[in-house]
Amino acid sequence: MTEIPSEPTSQTEEVAFDDGVIVAGPGRYYRNTRYIMLLVLVGMGIWFGYDGFVGWPNLNKQIAALQAEQAQVQRQGNTKRANEISQEINRLGGAPKSDWDLGLQKLLCFLLPPLGVGLLIRALYNSRGEYRLEGTTLHVPGHPPVPFDNISEIDRRLWDKKGIAYASYDLGDGRKGTLRLDDFVYDRPPTDAIFERMEKYVNPVSDDMEEKESE
């Protein structure tokens, strides 16, 4: 039994290579960034909600009170106080916030937190389960077990730049499909090892040619 050392980057802390088995769990960085995104969107929703329901309405009341005072002192001919009030109004932002401004803040308050939850749910679904290679049989969430012998084509056009590959398969019993390997969504070292083993098995001639060219 040969062990291939790898850097632990998954939630399982280890990559299993025992007896030809390779396991790639959900990518930690991929999931953590989605957790952070949820917190950011919820925080922004609370911020906008405070402005729309509390902060800006109170600000409008302050500006309205100052404008009323300014009109009064202007009628009294108190130019100095009128100028002071103008400066206070400018420090508060000048004109009151419009109904459109308040409505937009309230809308963002209600939209952003659910958006964050939706994005997290989608990310957890996309990274559900694990990639598992047992010998020459590949298990990918959402697909039946696929032996390498039943893979008809590997699309690696995005592999070198984005770490994404597609493998088309036909199990011969009416079940056909295209599975996806993504070394960002799932742990990179074991995902890359799965892809390399799959490509070497399915396209051995092209692999040999690449090795010769590299020499």
N, C-alpha and C. Protein backbone atom coordinates (compact mmCIF):
# COMPACT_ATOMS: atom_id res chain seq x y z
N MET A 1 0.85 -1.19 0.00
CA MET A 1 0.00 0.00 0.00
C MET A 1 0.88 1.24 0.00
N THR A 2 0.63 2.12 -0.92
CA THR A 2 1.43 3.33 -1.05
C THR A 2 0.65 4.53 -0.55
N GLU A 3 1.25 5.29 0.31
CA GLU A 3 0.60 6.49 0.82
C GLU A 3 1.17 7.71 0.12
N ILE A 4 0.28 8.58 -0.30
CA ILE A 4 0.70 9.81 -0.97
C ILE A 4 0.46 10.96 -0.01
N PRO A 5 1.49 11.60 0.50
CA PRO A 5 1.28 12.70 1.45
C PRO A 5 0.61 13.88 0.78
N SER A 6 -0.23 14.54 1.52
CA SER A 6 -0.90 15.72 0.98
C SER A 6 -1.17 16.68 2.11
N GLU A 7 -1.32 17.93 1.73
CA GLU A 7 -1.58 18.96 2.72
C GLU A 7 -3.03 18.92 3.13
N PRO A 8 -3.34 18.76 4.42
CA PRO A 8 -4.73 18.70 4.84
C PRO A 8 -5.40 20.05 4.72
N THR A 9 -6.41 20.15 3.85
CA THR A 9 -7.10 21.41 3.68
C THR A 9 -8.59 21.27 3.84
N SER A 10 -9.10 20.12 4.15
CA SER A 10 -10.53 19.91 4.20
C SER A 10 -11.03 19.95 5.62
N GLN A 11 -12.35 19.83 5.74
CA GLN A 11 -12.96 19.79 7.05
C GLN A 11 -12.65 18.48 7.76
N THR A 12 -12.24 17.46 7.00
CA THR A 12 -11.90 16.18 7.60
C THR A 12 -10.46 16.15 8.07
N GLU A 13 -9.67 17.20 7.71
CA GLU A 13 -8.28 17.36 8.13
C GLU A 13 -7.33 16.39 7.45
N GLU A 14 -7.83 15.36 6.75
CA GLU A 14 -6.94 14.42 6.09
C GLU A 14 -7.51 14.05 4.73
N VAL A 15 -6.63 13.65 3.85
CA VAL A 15 -7.02 13.13 2.55
C VAL A 15 -6.69 11.65 2.55
N ALA A 16 -7.67 10.81 2.24
CA ALA A 16 -7.46 9.38 2.32
C ALA A 16 -7.02 8.83 0.97
N PHE A 17 -5.91 8.09 0.98
CA PHE A 17 -5.42 7.45 -0.23
C PHE A 17 -5.26 5.94 -0.01
N ASP A 18 -5.81 5.41 1.05
CA ASP A 18 -5.61 3.99 1.38
C ASP A 18 -6.22 3.10 0.31
N ASP A 19 -5.42 2.11 -0.11
CA ASP A 19 -5.90 1.09 -1.05
C ASP A 19 -6.56 1.71 -2.28
N GLY A 20 -5.99 2.75 -2.79
CA GLY A 20 -6.52 3.35 -4.01
C GLY A 20 -7.72 4.23 -3.79
N VAL A 21 -8.11 4.50 -2.54
CA VAL A 21 -9.27 5.33 -2.26
C VAL A 21 -8.82 6.78 -2.07
N ILE A 22 -9.47 7.69 -2.79
CA ILE A 22 -9.19 9.11 -2.64
C ILE A 22 -10.50 9.80 -2.29
N VAL A 23 -10.48 10.60 -1.25
CA VAL A 23 -11.68 11.29 -0.78
C VAL A 23 -11.43 12.79 -0.76
N ALA A 24 -12.33 13.54 -1.36
CA ALA A 24 -12.25 15.00 -1.36
C ALA A 24 -13.53 15.55 -0.73
N GLY A 25 -13.38 16.13 0.45
CA GLY A 25 -14.53 16.73 1.12
C GLY A 25 -14.76 18.16 0.67
N PRO A 26 -15.76 18.82 1.23
CA PRO A 26 -16.05 20.22 0.86
C PRO A 26 -14.85 21.11 1.13
N GLY A 27 -14.61 22.05 0.24
CA GLY A 27 -13.49 22.97 0.39
C GLY A 27 -13.72 23.93 1.55
N ARG A 28 -12.77 24.01 2.46
CA ARG A 28 -12.93 24.87 3.64
C ARG A 28 -13.00 26.33 3.23
N TYR A 29 -12.10 26.76 2.35
CA TYR A 29 -12.10 28.17 1.94
C TYR A 29 -13.41 28.52 1.24
N TYR A 30 -13.88 27.63 0.37
CA TYR A 30 -15.13 27.88 -0.35
C TYR A 30 -16.28 28.10 0.62
N ARG A 31 -16.40 27.23 1.62
CA ARG A 31 -17.50 27.37 2.57
C ARG A 31 -17.31 28.57 3.50
N ASN A 32 -16.09 28.77 3.96
CA ASN A 32 -15.87 29.88 4.90
C ASN A 32 -16.17 31.22 4.28
N THR A 33 -15.82 31.40 3.00
CA THR A 33 -16.13 32.67 2.35
C THR A 33 -17.63 32.88 2.25
N ARG A 34 -18.39 31.81 2.11
CA ARG A 34 -19.85 31.94 2.04
C ARG A 34 -20.44 32.26 3.41
N TYR A 35 -19.84 31.72 4.48
CA TYR A 35 -20.28 32.09 5.82
C TYR A 35 -20.03 33.58 6.06
N ILE A 36 -18.86 34.05 5.65
CA ILE A 36 -18.53 35.46 5.82
C ILE A 36 -19.48 36.33 5.01
N MET A 37 -19.79 35.89 3.79
CA MET A 37 -20.71 36.64 2.94
C MET A 37 -22.08 36.75 3.59
N LEU A 38 -22.52 35.67 4.25
CA LEU A 38 -23.81 35.71 4.95
C LEU A 38 -23.77 36.77 6.05
N LEU A 39 -22.69 36.77 6.85
CA LEU A 39 -22.58 37.74 7.93
C LEU A 39 -22.56 39.17 7.40
N VAL A 40 -21.85 39.38 6.28
CA VAL A 40 -21.77 40.72 5.69
C VAL A 40 -23.15 41.18 5.23
N LEU A 41 -23.87 40.32 4.53
CA LEU A 41 -25.18 40.70 4.00
C LEU A 41 -26.19 40.93 5.11
N VAL A 42 -26.14 40.09 6.15
CA VAL A 42 -27.03 40.31 7.29
C VAL A 42 -26.69 41.62 7.98
N GLY A 43 -25.38 41.88 8.18
CA GLY A 43 -24.96 43.13 8.80
C GLY A 43 -25.39 44.35 7.99
N MET A 44 -25.25 44.26 6.66
CA MET A 44 -25.67 45.36 5.81
C MET A 44 -27.18 45.56 5.89
N GLY A 45 -27.93 44.45 5.95
CA GLY A 45 -29.38 44.55 6.07
C GLY A 45 -29.78 45.28 7.35
N ILE A 46 -29.11 44.94 8.46
CA ILE A 46 -29.40 45.61 9.73
C ILE A 46 -29.04 47.09 9.65
N TRP A 47 -27.90 47.38 9.03
CA TRP A 47 -27.46 48.78 8.88
C TRP A 47 -28.47 49.59 8.08
N PHE A 48 -28.86 49.06 6.91
CA PHE A 48 -29.82 49.77 6.07
C PHE A 48 -31.17 49.89 6.78
N GLY A 49 -31.55 48.83 7.51
CA GLY A 49 -32.82 48.88 8.23
C GLY A 49 -32.83 49.95 9.30
N TYR A 50 -31.71 50.09 10.00
CA TYR A 50 -31.62 51.14 11.02
C TYR A 50 -31.77 52.52 10.38
N ASP A 51 -31.08 52.72 9.25
CA ASP A 51 -31.19 54.02 8.57
C ASP A 51 -32.63 54.27 8.12
N GLY A 52 -33.25 53.25 7.53
CA GLY A 52 -34.58 53.44 6.96
C GLY A 52 -35.68 53.61 7.99
N PHE A 53 -35.55 52.92 9.11
CA PHE A 53 -36.63 52.94 10.11
C PHE A 53 -36.35 53.88 11.29
N VAL A 54 -35.07 54.13 11.59
CA VAL A 54 -34.74 54.91 12.80
C VAL A 54 -33.87 56.12 12.47
N GLY A 55 -32.67 55.85 11.94
CA GLY A 55 -31.67 56.91 11.78
C GLY A 55 -32.12 58.05 10.91
N TRP A 56 -32.53 57.76 9.69
CA TRP A 56 -32.90 58.83 8.76
C TRP A 56 -34.21 59.53 9.14
N PRO A 57 -35.23 58.81 9.61
CA PRO A 57 -36.42 59.53 10.08
C PRO A 57 -36.10 60.53 11.20
N ASN A 58 -35.23 60.12 12.14
CA ASN A 58 -34.82 61.05 13.20
C ASN A 58 -34.05 62.23 12.62
N LEU A 59 -33.20 61.94 11.64
CA LEU A 59 -32.45 63.01 10.98
C LEU A 59 -33.39 64.00 10.30
N ASN A 60 -34.41 63.48 9.64
CA ASN A 60 -35.38 64.36 8.98
C ASN A 60 -36.11 65.25 9.98
N LYS A 61 -36.40 64.68 11.16
CA LYS A 61 -37.07 65.47 12.20
C LYS A 61 -36.16 66.61 12.68
N GLN A 62 -34.87 66.31 12.83
CA GLN A 62 -33.93 67.35 13.26
C GLN A 62 -33.83 68.46 12.23
N ILE A 63 -33.73 68.05 10.95
CA ILE A 63 -33.62 69.05 9.88
C ILE A 63 -34.90 69.89 9.80
N ALA A 64 -36.05 69.23 9.93
CA ALA A 64 -37.33 69.95 9.86
C ALA A 64 -37.43 70.97 11.00
N ALA A 65 -36.99 70.56 12.20
CA ALA A 65 -37.04 71.48 13.34
C ALA A 65 -36.12 72.68 13.12
N LEU A 66 -34.92 72.41 12.58
CA LEU A 66 -33.99 73.49 12.32
C LEU A 66 -34.51 74.43 11.23
N GLN A 67 -35.14 73.86 10.20
CA GLN A 67 -35.68 74.69 9.13
C GLN A 67 -36.80 75.58 9.65
N ALA A 68 -37.62 75.02 10.55
CA ALA A 68 -38.70 75.83 11.12
C ALA A 68 -38.12 76.96 11.97
N GLU A 69 -37.08 76.65 12.76
CA GLU A 69 -36.44 77.69 13.56
C GLU A 69 -35.80 78.75 12.67
N GLN A 70 -35.18 78.29 11.59
CA GLN A 70 -34.52 79.23 10.68
C GLN A 70 -35.53 80.20 10.07
N ALA A 71 -36.68 79.67 9.66
CA ALA A 71 -37.72 80.54 9.09
C ALA A 71 -38.18 81.57 10.11
N GLN A 72 -38.27 81.16 11.38
CA GLN A 72 -38.71 82.08 12.42
C GLN A 72 -37.71 83.19 12.66
N VAL A 73 -36.41 82.83 12.78
CA VAL A 73 -35.40 83.86 13.06
C VAL A 73 -35.20 84.78 11.87
N GLN A 74 -35.43 84.26 10.66
CA GLN A 74 -35.33 85.12 9.48
C GLN A 74 -36.44 86.17 9.50
N ARG A 75 -37.63 85.76 9.94
CA ARG A 75 -38.72 86.73 10.04
C ARG A 75 -38.41 87.80 11.09
N GLN A 76 -37.63 87.39 12.10
CA GLN A 76 -37.25 88.33 13.15
C GLN A 76 -36.04 89.16 12.76
N GLY A 77 -35.44 88.86 11.63
CA GLY A 77 -34.28 89.61 11.16
C GLY A 77 -32.97 89.21 11.81
N ASN A 78 -32.95 88.04 12.46
CA ASN A 78 -31.73 87.55 13.13
C ASN A 78 -30.89 86.78 12.11
N THR A 79 -30.10 87.51 11.34
CA THR A 79 -29.32 86.91 10.27
C THR A 79 -28.23 85.98 10.81
N LYS A 80 -27.62 86.39 11.91
CA LYS A 80 -26.54 85.59 12.48
C LYS A 80 -27.02 84.20 12.85
N ARG A 81 -28.14 84.15 13.56
CA ARG A 81 -28.67 82.84 13.97
C ARG A 81 -29.13 82.03 12.76
N ALA A 82 -29.67 82.70 11.77
CA ALA A 82 -30.11 82.01 10.55
C ALA A 82 -28.93 81.34 9.86
N ASN A 83 -27.79 82.04 9.82
CA ASN A 83 -26.59 81.46 9.21
C ASN A 83 -26.06 80.29 10.02
N GLU A 84 -26.13 80.40 11.32
CA GLU A 84 -25.69 79.29 12.17
C GLU A 84 -26.54 78.05 11.93
N ILE A 85 -27.85 78.28 11.79
CA ILE A 85 -28.75 77.14 11.54
C ILE A 85 -28.45 76.51 10.18
N SER A 86 -28.12 77.33 9.21
CA SER A 86 -27.77 76.79 7.89
C SER A 86 -26.56 75.87 7.97
N GLN A 87 -25.58 76.28 8.77
CA GLN A 87 -24.39 75.45 8.94
C GLN A 87 -24.74 74.13 9.64
N GLU A 88 -25.63 74.20 10.62
CA GLU A 88 -26.06 72.97 11.32
C GLU A 88 -26.78 72.03 10.35
N ILE A 89 -27.62 72.59 9.51
CA ILE A 89 -28.35 71.76 8.54
C ILE A 89 -27.37 71.12 7.56
N ASN A 90 -26.37 71.86 7.12
CA ASN A 90 -25.37 71.32 6.20
C ASN A 90 -24.59 70.17 6.84
N ARG A 91 -24.29 70.31 8.13
CA ARG A 91 -23.58 69.23 8.82
C ARG A 91 -24.43 67.96 8.91
N LEU A 92 -25.73 68.13 8.91
CA LEU A 92 -26.63 66.97 8.96
C LEU A 92 -26.92 66.39 7.58
N GLY A 93 -26.35 66.98 6.56
CA GLY A 93 -26.54 66.44 5.22
C GLY A 93 -27.31 67.34 4.29
N GLY A 94 -27.75 68.47 4.79
CA GLY A 94 -28.45 69.41 3.92
C GLY A 94 -29.95 69.11 3.85
N ALA A 95 -30.38 68.58 2.74
CA ALA A 95 -31.80 68.32 2.54
C ALA A 95 -32.24 67.06 3.28
N PRO A 96 -33.48 66.99 3.69
CA PRO A 96 -34.00 65.77 4.33
C PRO A 96 -33.97 64.60 3.36
N LYS A 97 -33.92 63.40 3.91
CA LYS A 97 -33.98 62.20 3.07
C LYS A 97 -35.39 62.04 2.52
N SER A 98 -35.46 61.72 1.23
CA SER A 98 -36.76 61.60 0.57
C SER A 98 -37.43 60.27 0.92
N ASP A 99 -38.71 60.17 0.59
CA ASP A 99 -39.42 58.91 0.79
C ASP A 99 -38.77 57.79 -0.02
N TRP A 100 -38.23 58.12 -1.19
CA TRP A 100 -37.53 57.13 -2.00
C TRP A 100 -36.30 56.62 -1.28
N ASP A 101 -35.55 57.54 -0.67
CA ASP A 101 -34.36 57.13 0.07
C ASP A 101 -34.73 56.19 1.22
N LEU A 102 -35.74 56.56 1.97
CA LEU A 102 -36.17 55.72 3.09
C LEU A 102 -36.69 54.38 2.60
N GLY A 103 -37.44 54.39 1.52
CA GLY A 103 -37.99 53.15 0.99
C GLY A 103 -36.91 52.20 0.51
N LEU A 104 -35.86 52.76 -0.13
CA LEU A 104 -34.76 51.93 -0.61
C LEU A 104 -34.03 51.28 0.55
N GLN A 105 -33.79 52.03 1.63
CA GLN A 105 -33.11 51.46 2.79
C GLN A 105 -33.93 50.33 3.39
N LYS A 106 -35.24 50.52 3.48
CA LYS A 106 -36.11 49.49 4.04
C LYS A 106 -36.14 48.26 3.14
N LEU A 107 -36.15 48.50 1.83
CA LEU A 107 -36.15 47.37 0.88
C LEU A 107 -34.88 46.54 1.02
N LEU A 108 -33.72 47.21 1.11
CA LEU A 108 -32.45 46.50 1.27
C LEU A 108 -32.42 45.74 2.59
N CYS A 109 -33.04 46.30 3.60
CA CYS A 109 -33.11 45.64 4.90
C CYS A 109 -33.80 44.28 4.78
N PHE A 110 -34.86 44.23 3.98
CA PHE A 110 -35.62 42.98 3.84
C PHE A 110 -35.03 42.03 2.81
N LEU A 111 -34.24 42.57 1.87
CA LEU A 111 -33.73 41.73 0.79
C LEU A 111 -32.37 41.09 1.10
N LEU A 112 -31.46 41.85 1.70
CA LEU A 112 -30.08 41.37 1.83
C LEU A 112 -29.92 40.14 2.74
N PRO A 113 -30.52 40.10 3.94
CA PRO A 113 -30.35 38.89 4.77
C PRO A 113 -30.87 37.62 4.10
N PRO A 114 -32.09 37.62 3.50
CA PRO A 114 -32.51 36.40 2.80
C PRO A 114 -31.60 36.04 1.63
N LEU A 115 -31.06 37.07 0.96
CA LEU A 115 -30.12 36.80 -0.12
C LEU A 115 -28.90 36.07 0.41
N GLY A 116 -28.37 36.52 1.55
CA GLY A 116 -27.23 35.85 2.16
C GLY A 116 -27.54 34.42 2.54
N VAL A 117 -28.73 34.19 3.10
CA VAL A 117 -29.12 32.83 3.47
C VAL A 117 -29.24 31.96 2.22
N GLY A 118 -29.82 32.53 1.16
CA GLY A 118 -29.97 31.77 -0.08
C GLY A 118 -28.63 31.39 -0.69
N LEU A 119 -27.69 32.34 -0.68
CA LEU A 119 -26.36 32.04 -1.22
C LEU A 119 -25.66 30.97 -0.41
N LEU A 120 -25.83 31.01 0.92
CA LEU A 120 -25.20 29.99 1.76
C LEU A 120 -25.81 28.62 1.50
N ILE A 121 -27.14 28.55 1.41
CA ILE A 121 -27.80 27.28 1.14
C ILE A 121 -27.32 26.72 -0.19
N ARG A 122 -27.21 27.58 -1.19
CA ARG A 122 -26.74 27.13 -2.51
C ARG A 122 -25.31 26.61 -2.42
N ALA A 123 -24.46 27.31 -1.66
CA ALA A 123 -23.07 26.88 -1.53
C ALA A 123 -22.97 25.54 -0.80
N LEU A 124 -23.77 25.37 0.25
CA LEU A 124 -23.76 24.11 0.98
C LEU A 124 -24.26 22.97 0.11
N TYR A 125 -25.25 23.28 -0.73
CA TYR A 125 -25.76 22.24 -1.64
C TYR A 125 -24.71 21.89 -2.69
N ASN A 126 -24.06 22.90 -3.25
CA ASN A 126 -23.04 22.66 -4.28
C ASN A 126 -21.87 21.84 -3.74
N SER A 127 -21.58 21.99 -2.44
CA SER A 127 -20.43 21.29 -1.85
C SER A 127 -20.87 20.15 -0.93
N ARG A 128 -22.07 19.64 -1.16
CA ARG A 128 -22.58 18.56 -0.31
C ARG A 128 -21.78 17.28 -0.54
N GLY A 129 -21.79 16.42 0.44
CA GLY A 129 -21.16 15.11 0.28
C GLY A 129 -19.66 15.21 0.04
N GLU A 130 -19.19 14.38 -0.87
CA GLU A 130 -17.75 14.31 -1.14
C GLU A 130 -17.52 13.66 -2.49
N TYR A 131 -16.36 13.94 -3.08
CA TYR A 131 -15.88 13.14 -4.19
C TYR A 131 -15.17 11.94 -3.58
N ARG A 132 -15.44 10.77 -4.15
CA ARG A 132 -14.79 9.56 -3.64
C ARG A 132 -14.42 8.65 -4.80
N LEU A 133 -13.15 8.33 -4.88
CA LEU A 133 -12.66 7.41 -5.91
C LEU A 133 -12.21 6.12 -5.23
N GLU A 134 -12.88 5.04 -5.58
CA GLU A 134 -12.53 3.72 -5.05
C GLU A 134 -12.03 2.87 -6.20
N GLY A 135 -10.73 2.71 -6.28
CA GLY A 135 -10.16 1.98 -7.41
C GLY A 135 -10.35 2.78 -8.68
N THR A 136 -11.24 2.31 -9.54
CA THR A 136 -11.54 3.03 -10.78
C THR A 136 -13.03 3.38 -10.85
N THR A 137 -13.67 3.47 -9.71
CA THR A 137 -15.09 3.86 -9.65
C THR A 137 -15.20 5.19 -8.93
N LEU A 138 -15.80 6.16 -9.59
CA LEU A 138 -15.88 7.52 -9.07
C LEU A 138 -17.28 7.81 -8.55
N HIS A 139 -17.33 8.34 -7.34
CA HIS A 139 -18.60 8.74 -6.71
C HIS A 139 -18.61 10.26 -6.60
N VAL A 140 -19.62 10.87 -7.22
CA VAL A 140 -19.79 12.32 -7.19
C VAL A 140 -21.23 12.62 -6.78
N PRO A 141 -21.46 13.52 -5.82
CA PRO A 141 -22.83 13.82 -5.41
C PRO A 141 -23.74 14.16 -6.57
N GLY A 142 -24.93 13.58 -6.55
CA GLY A 142 -25.90 13.83 -7.61
C GLY A 142 -25.79 12.87 -8.78
N HIS A 143 -24.82 11.94 -8.73
CA HIS A 143 -24.62 10.98 -9.82
C HIS A 143 -24.49 9.57 -9.24
N PRO A 144 -24.82 8.56 -10.02
CA PRO A 144 -24.56 7.20 -9.59
C PRO A 144 -23.06 6.91 -9.63
N PRO A 145 -22.61 5.85 -8.99
CA PRO A 145 -21.18 5.48 -9.12
C PRO A 145 -20.82 5.28 -10.59
N VAL A 146 -19.71 5.86 -11.02
CA VAL A 146 -19.32 5.82 -12.42
C VAL A 146 -17.96 5.15 -12.55
N PRO A 147 -17.90 3.94 -13.13
CA PRO A 147 -16.60 3.33 -13.41
C PRO A 147 -15.89 4.10 -14.53
N PHE A 148 -14.58 4.15 -14.45
CA PHE A 148 -13.81 4.85 -15.48
C PHE A 148 -14.09 4.28 -16.86
N ASP A 149 -14.36 2.97 -16.94
CA ASP A 149 -14.62 2.36 -18.24
C ASP A 149 -15.86 2.94 -18.91
N ASN A 150 -16.75 3.57 -18.12
CA ASN A 150 -17.98 4.12 -18.68
C ASN A 150 -17.89 5.62 -18.97
N ILE A 151 -16.70 6.18 -18.76
CA ILE A 151 -16.50 7.60 -19.09
C ILE A 151 -16.09 7.69 -20.56
N SER A 152 -16.88 8.43 -21.32
CA SER A 152 -16.64 8.51 -22.76
C SER A 152 -15.81 9.73 -23.15
N GLU A 153 -15.84 10.77 -22.34
CA GLU A 153 -15.13 11.99 -22.72
C GLU A 153 -14.81 12.83 -21.49
N ILE A 154 -13.66 13.45 -21.50
CA ILE A 154 -13.27 14.37 -20.43
C ILE A 154 -13.03 15.74 -21.06
N ASP A 155 -13.74 16.73 -20.55
CA ASP A 155 -13.58 18.11 -21.01
C ASP A 155 -12.72 18.84 -19.97
N ARG A 156 -11.48 19.12 -20.32
CA ARG A 156 -10.56 19.76 -19.39
C ARG A 156 -10.20 21.18 -19.79
N ARG A 157 -11.03 21.80 -20.61
CA ARG A 157 -10.70 23.14 -21.11
C ARG A 157 -10.58 24.17 -20.00
N LEU A 158 -11.31 23.97 -18.90
CA LEU A 158 -11.25 24.91 -17.78
C LEU A 158 -10.34 24.43 -16.66
N TRP A 159 -9.73 23.28 -16.84
CA TRP A 159 -8.99 22.68 -15.73
C TRP A 159 -7.75 23.49 -15.35
N ASP A 160 -6.93 23.82 -16.31
CA ASP A 160 -5.66 24.48 -16.00
C ASP A 160 -5.87 25.87 -15.39
N LYS A 161 -6.91 26.59 -15.81
CA LYS A 161 -7.12 27.95 -15.31
C LYS A 161 -8.02 27.99 -14.08
N LYS A 162 -9.06 27.15 -14.07
CA LYS A 162 -10.05 27.26 -13.00
C LYS A 162 -10.20 25.99 -12.17
N GLY A 163 -9.53 24.92 -12.54
CA GLY A 163 -9.65 23.69 -11.78
C GLY A 163 -11.01 23.03 -11.91
N ILE A 164 -11.64 23.20 -13.08
CA ILE A 164 -12.96 22.61 -13.33
C ILE A 164 -12.86 21.68 -14.53
N ALA A 165 -13.36 20.47 -14.37
CA ALA A 165 -13.37 19.49 -15.46
C ALA A 165 -14.72 18.79 -15.50
N TYR A 166 -15.13 18.38 -16.69
CA TYR A 166 -16.38 17.66 -16.88
C TYR A 166 -16.09 16.30 -17.50
N ALA A 167 -16.78 15.30 -17.00
CA ALA A 167 -16.63 13.94 -17.53
C ALA A 167 -17.99 13.40 -17.93
N SER A 168 -18.15 13.07 -19.20
CA SER A 168 -19.40 12.50 -19.71
C SER A 168 -19.35 10.98 -19.56
N TYR A 169 -20.46 10.40 -19.11
CA TYR A 169 -20.48 8.96 -18.89
C TYR A 169 -21.77 8.35 -19.43
N ASP A 170 -21.71 7.07 -19.72
CA ASP A 170 -22.85 6.27 -20.16
C ASP A 170 -22.74 4.92 -19.48
N LEU A 171 -23.67 4.64 -18.56
CA LEU A 171 -23.61 3.40 -17.78
C LEU A 171 -24.20 2.21 -18.53
N GLY A 172 -24.74 2.47 -19.71
CA GLY A 172 -25.23 1.37 -20.53
C GLY A 172 -26.61 0.89 -20.18
N ASP A 173 -27.23 1.45 -19.15
CA ASP A 173 -28.58 1.03 -18.77
C ASP A 173 -29.56 2.19 -18.90
N GLY A 174 -29.22 3.12 -19.78
CA GLY A 174 -30.06 4.29 -19.98
C GLY A 174 -29.64 5.48 -19.14
N ARG A 175 -28.73 5.25 -18.22
CA ARG A 175 -28.27 6.36 -17.37
C ARG A 175 -27.04 7.01 -17.99
N LYS A 176 -27.22 8.25 -18.38
CA LYS A 176 -26.13 9.04 -18.95
C LYS A 176 -26.05 10.36 -18.19
N GLY A 177 -24.91 10.99 -18.27
CA GLY A 177 -24.78 12.28 -17.61
C GLY A 177 -23.39 12.84 -17.75
N THR A 178 -23.21 13.99 -17.16
CA THR A 178 -21.91 14.66 -17.14
C THR A 178 -21.64 15.11 -15.72
N LEU A 179 -20.61 14.58 -15.13
CA LEU A 179 -20.26 14.99 -13.77
C LEU A 179 -19.18 16.06 -13.81
N ARG A 180 -19.11 16.80 -12.75
CA ARG A 180 -18.20 17.94 -12.67
C ARG A 180 -17.25 17.77 -11.49
N LEU A 181 -15.97 18.01 -11.76
CA LEU A 181 -14.97 18.07 -10.70
C LEU A 181 -14.51 19.52 -10.57
N ASP A 182 -14.53 20.04 -9.35
CA ASP A 182 -14.16 21.44 -9.12
C ASP A 182 -13.26 21.49 -7.89
N ASP A 183 -12.00 21.83 -8.08
CA ASP A 183 -11.06 21.80 -6.96
C ASP A 183 -11.07 23.08 -6.13
N PHE A 184 -12.06 23.95 -6.38
CA PHE A 184 -12.30 25.08 -5.49
C PHE A 184 -13.44 24.76 -4.53
N VAL A 185 -14.48 24.13 -5.06
CA VAL A 185 -15.64 23.77 -4.25
C VAL A 185 -15.30 22.60 -3.31
N TYR A 186 -14.45 21.68 -3.79
CA TYR A 186 -14.01 20.55 -2.97
C TYR A 186 -12.50 20.64 -2.78
N ASP A 187 -12.00 19.92 -1.79
CA ASP A 187 -10.58 20.00 -1.44
C ASP A 187 -9.69 19.82 -2.67
N ARG A 188 -8.74 20.72 -2.82
CA ARG A 188 -7.93 20.73 -4.04
C ARG A 188 -7.00 19.53 -4.20
N PRO A 189 -6.15 19.21 -3.20
CA PRO A 189 -5.19 18.10 -3.44
C PRO A 189 -5.86 16.79 -3.83
N PRO A 190 -6.87 16.31 -3.09
CA PRO A 190 -7.48 15.05 -3.50
C PRO A 190 -8.29 15.16 -4.78
N THR A 191 -8.92 16.32 -5.01
CA THR A 191 -9.67 16.50 -6.27
C THR A 191 -8.72 16.44 -7.46
N ASP A 192 -7.58 17.09 -7.35
CA ASP A 192 -6.59 17.05 -8.42
C ASP A 192 -6.08 15.62 -8.63
N ALA A 193 -5.89 14.89 -7.53
CA ALA A 193 -5.42 13.51 -7.64
C ALA A 193 -6.46 12.64 -8.34
N ILE A 194 -7.74 12.87 -8.02
CA ILE A 194 -8.81 12.12 -8.69
C ILE A 194 -8.81 12.41 -10.18
N PHE A 195 -8.71 13.70 -10.51
CA PHE A 195 -8.72 14.06 -11.93
C PHE A 195 -7.54 13.45 -12.67
N GLU A 196 -6.37 13.53 -12.09
CA GLU A 196 -5.18 12.98 -12.75
C GLU A 196 -5.31 11.47 -12.97
N ARG A 197 -5.82 10.77 -11.97
CA ARG A 197 -5.99 9.33 -12.13
C ARG A 197 -7.04 9.02 -13.18
N MET A 198 -8.13 9.78 -13.18
CA MET A 198 -9.19 9.57 -14.16
C MET A 198 -8.69 9.84 -15.57
N GLU A 199 -7.99 10.96 -15.75
CA GLU A 199 -7.51 11.31 -17.09
C GLU A 199 -6.47 10.30 -17.58
N LYS A 200 -5.62 9.87 -16.70
CA LYS A 200 -4.60 8.89 -17.09
C LYS A 200 -5.23 7.58 -17.52
N TYR A 201 -6.34 7.22 -16.87
CA TYR A 201 -7.02 5.96 -17.20
C TYR A 201 -7.81 6.09 -18.51
N VAL A 202 -8.53 7.21 -18.64
CA VAL A 202 -9.42 7.38 -19.80
C VAL A 202 -8.64 7.76 -21.05
N ASN A 203 -7.62 8.60 -20.90
CA ASN A 203 -6.83 9.07 -22.03
C ASN A 203 -5.36 8.76 -21.84
N PRO A 204 -4.98 7.48 -21.77
CA PRO A 204 -3.59 7.14 -21.48
C PRO A 204 -2.63 7.58 -22.58
N VAL A 205 -3.06 7.56 -23.83
CA VAL A 205 -2.17 7.91 -24.94
C VAL A 205 -1.80 9.38 -24.88
N SER A 206 -2.82 10.24 -24.66
CA SER A 206 -2.55 11.68 -24.61
C SER A 206 -1.66 12.02 -23.44
N ASP A 207 -1.82 11.31 -22.33
CA ASP A 207 -0.98 11.56 -21.16
C ASP A 207 0.48 11.22 -21.47
N ASP A 208 0.69 10.08 -22.15
CA ASP A 208 2.05 9.68 -22.50
C ASP A 208 2.69 10.71 -23.42
N MET A 209 1.91 11.22 -24.36
CA MET A 209 2.43 12.23 -25.28
C MET A 209 2.83 13.50 -24.54
N GLU A 210 2.00 13.90 -23.54
CA GLU A 210 2.32 15.09 -22.78
C GLU A 210 3.61 14.91 -22.01
N GLU A 211 3.83 13.69 -21.46
CA GLU A 211 5.05 13.44 -20.72
C GLU A 211 6.27 13.53 -21.64
N LYS A 212 6.13 13.00 -22.86
CA LYS A 212 7.23 13.06 -23.80
C LYS A 212 7.55 14.49 -24.19
N GLU A 213 6.48 15.29 -24.39
CA GLU A 213 6.68 16.69 -24.78
C GLU A 213 7.36 17.48 -23.68
N SER A 214 7.00 17.16 -22.42
CA SER A 214 7.60 17.87 -21.30
C SER A 214 9.08 17.53 -21.16
N GLU A 215 9.47 16.31 -21.57
CA GLU A 215 10.88 15.92 -21.53
C GLU A 215 11.68 16.65 -22.60
